C-alpha atoms as a PDB file:
ATOM      1  CA  UNK A   1     114.861 133.581 168.500  1.00  0.00           C
ATOM      2  CA  UNK A   2     114.096 130.821 170.970  1.00  0.00           C
ATOM      3  CA  UNK A   3     111.458 129.078 168.833  1.00  0.00           C
ATOM      4  CA  UNK A   4     111.854 125.328 168.974  1.00  0.00           C
ATOM      5  CA  UNK A   5     109.223 124.829 166.288  1.00  0.00           C
ATOM      6  CA  UNK A   6     109.009 126.955 163.176  1.00  0.00           C
ATOM      7  CA  UNK A   7     106.408 127.052 160.403  1.00  0.00           C
ATOM      8  CA  UNK A   8     108.740 127.400 157.422  1.00  0.00           C
ATOM      9  CA  UNK A   9     112.305 126.947 156.246  1.00  0.00           C
ATOM     10  CA  UNK A  10     112.679 130.736 156.380  1.00  0.00           C
ATOM     11  CA  UNK A  11     111.753 130.629 160.082  1.00  0.00           C
ATOM     12  CA  UNK A  12     114.774 128.479 160.847  1.00  0.00           C
ATOM     13  CA  UNK A  13     116.957 131.540 160.180  1.00  0.00           C
ATOM     14  CA  UNK A  14     115.562 133.160 163.315  1.00  0.00           C
ATOM     15  CA  UNK A  15     115.659 130.146 165.616  1.00  0.00           C
ATOM     16  CA  UNK A  16     118.627 129.510 167.892  1.00  0.00           C
ATOM     17  CA  UNK A  17     117.404 125.949 168.597  1.00  0.00           C
ATOM     18  CA  UNK A  18     117.425 125.165 164.851  1.00  0.00           C
ATOM     19  CA  UNK A  19     120.902 126.672 164.423  1.00  0.00           C
ATOM     20  CA  UNK A  20     122.269 124.615 167.321  1.00  0.00           C
ATOM     21  CA  UNK A  21     120.533 121.438 166.149  1.00  0.00           C
ATOM     22  CA  UNK A  22     121.845 121.883 162.588  1.00  0.00           C
ATOM     23  CA  UNK A  23     125.367 122.425 163.908  1.00  0.00           C
ATOM     24  CA  UNK A  24     125.213 119.228 165.970  1.00  0.00           C
ATOM     25  CA  UNK A  25     123.499 117.053 163.346  1.00  0.00           C
ATOM     26  CA  UNK A  26     125.356 118.284 160.251  1.00  0.00           C
ATOM     27  CA  UNK A  27     128.604 119.542 161.760  1.00  0.00           C
ATOM     28  CA  UNK A  28     127.983 123.099 160.601  1.00  0.00           C
ATOM     29  CA  UNK A  29     125.374 125.760 160.058  1.00  0.00           C
ATOM     30  CA  UNK A  30     125.268 128.482 157.406  1.00  0.00           C
ATOM     31  CA  UNK A  31     122.764 131.134 158.543  1.00  0.00           C
ATOM     32  CA  UNK A  32     122.372 132.584 155.041  1.00  0.00           C
ATOM     33  CA  UNK A  33     122.003 129.285 153.166  1.00  0.00           C
ATOM     34  CA  UNK A  34     118.641 127.919 152.097  1.00  0.00           C
ATOM     35  CA  UNK A  35     117.396 126.127 155.190  1.00  0.00           C
ATOM     36  CA  UNK A  36     114.999 123.768 153.392  1.00  0.00           C
ATOM     37  CA  UNK A  37     117.161 120.741 154.196  1.00  0.00           C
ATOM     38  CA  UNK A  38     117.288 121.562 157.925  1.00  0.00           C
ATOM     39  CA  UNK A  39     113.548 122.250 157.993  1.00  0.00           C
ATOM     40  CA  UNK A  40     112.833 118.902 156.329  1.00  0.00           C
ATOM     41  CA  UNK A  41     115.348 116.899 158.387  1.00  0.00           C
ATOM     42  CA  UNK A  42     113.552 114.969 161.159  1.00  0.00           C
ATOM     43  CA  UNK A  43     116.782 114.686 163.192  1.00  0.00           C
ATOM     44  CA  UNK A  44     117.265 118.470 163.189  1.00  0.00           C
ATOM     45  CA  UNK A  45     113.583 119.072 164.058  1.00  0.00           C
ATOM     46  CA  UNK A  46     113.697 116.552 166.916  1.00  0.00           C
ATOM     47  CA  UNK A  47     116.899 117.982 168.367  1.00  0.00           C
ATOM     48  CA  UNK A  48     115.682 121.595 168.011  1.00  0.00           C
ATOM     49  CA  UNK A  49     112.738 120.691 170.270  1.00  0.00           C
ATOM     50  CA  UNK A  50     115.267 119.776 172.981  1.00  0.00           C
ATOM     51  CA  UNK A  51     117.276 123.018 172.761  1.00  0.00           C
ATOM     52  CA  UNK A  52     116.193 125.630 175.295  1.00  0.00           C
ATOM     53  CA  UNK A  53     117.084 129.327 175.317  1.00  0.00           C
ATOM     54  CA  UNK A  54     116.791 131.213 178.587  1.00  0.00           C
ATOM     55  CA  UNK A  55     117.571 134.780 179.502  1.00  0.00           C
ATOM     56  CA  UNK A  56     120.265 135.709 181.983  1.00  0.00           C
ATOM     57  CA  UNK A  57     119.085 139.055 183.400  1.00  0.00           C
ATOM     58  CA  UNK A  58     122.669 140.166 184.154  1.00  0.00           C
ATOM     59  CA  UNK A  59     123.613 139.559 180.511  1.00  0.00           C
ATOM     60  CA  UNK A  60     120.589 141.555 179.333  1.00  0.00           C
ATOM     61  CA  UNK A  61     121.462 144.464 181.625  1.00  0.00           C
ATOM     62  CA  UNK A  62     125.016 144.534 180.251  1.00  0.00           C
ATOM     63  CA  UNK A  63     123.780 144.873 176.659  1.00  0.00           C
ATOM     64  CA  UNK A  64     124.794 146.654 174.405  1.00  0.00           C
ATOM     65  CA  UNK A  65     128.155 147.318 176.048  1.00  0.00           C
ATOM     66  CA  UNK A  66     128.707 143.564 176.361  1.00  0.00           C
ATOM     67  CA  UNK A  67     127.077 140.803 174.331  1.00  0.00           C
ATOM     68  CA  UNK A  68     127.483 137.764 176.534  1.00  0.00           C
ATOM     69  CA  UNK A  69     126.310 134.201 176.061  1.00  0.00           C
ATOM     70  CA  UNK A  70     126.603 130.990 177.986  1.00  0.00           C
ATOM     71  CA  UNK A  71     126.013 127.577 176.459  1.00  0.00           C
ATOM     72  CA  UNK A  72     125.428 124.478 178.528  1.00  0.00           C
ATOM     73  CA  UNK A  73     125.142 121.067 176.898  1.00  0.00           C
ATOM     74  CA  UNK A  74     123.427 118.389 178.957  1.00  0.00           C
ATOM     75  CA  UNK A  75     123.970 114.844 177.775  1.00  0.00           C
ATOM     76  CA  UNK A  76     121.419 112.050 177.989  1.00  0.00           C
ATOM     77  CA  UNK A  77     123.243 110.666 181.023  1.00  0.00           C
ATOM     78  CA  UNK A  78     122.596 113.966 182.815  1.00  0.00           C
ATOM     79  CA  UNK A  79     126.148 115.304 182.849  1.00  0.00           C
ATOM     80  CA  UNK A  80     126.628 118.868 181.616  1.00  0.00           C
ATOM     81  CA  UNK A  81     129.444 120.878 180.158  1.00  0.00           C
END
């Protein structure tokens, strides 16, 4: 799920970095749509390589009772939100 590079358009369905990159570049992401356009889009591919997924052990321990996530966006200037 954390793959920044995938070998096929089908692989983008299982990649959080591709989903995030598609959302940012195209303003939306449909996980069941044909992902050929995202796979072929150099802007989505480049951004997906800069999206990192890391585990939070406390979140993993809480699963399945709680399904937590935390998203941090770091801008080019270094600020984060």
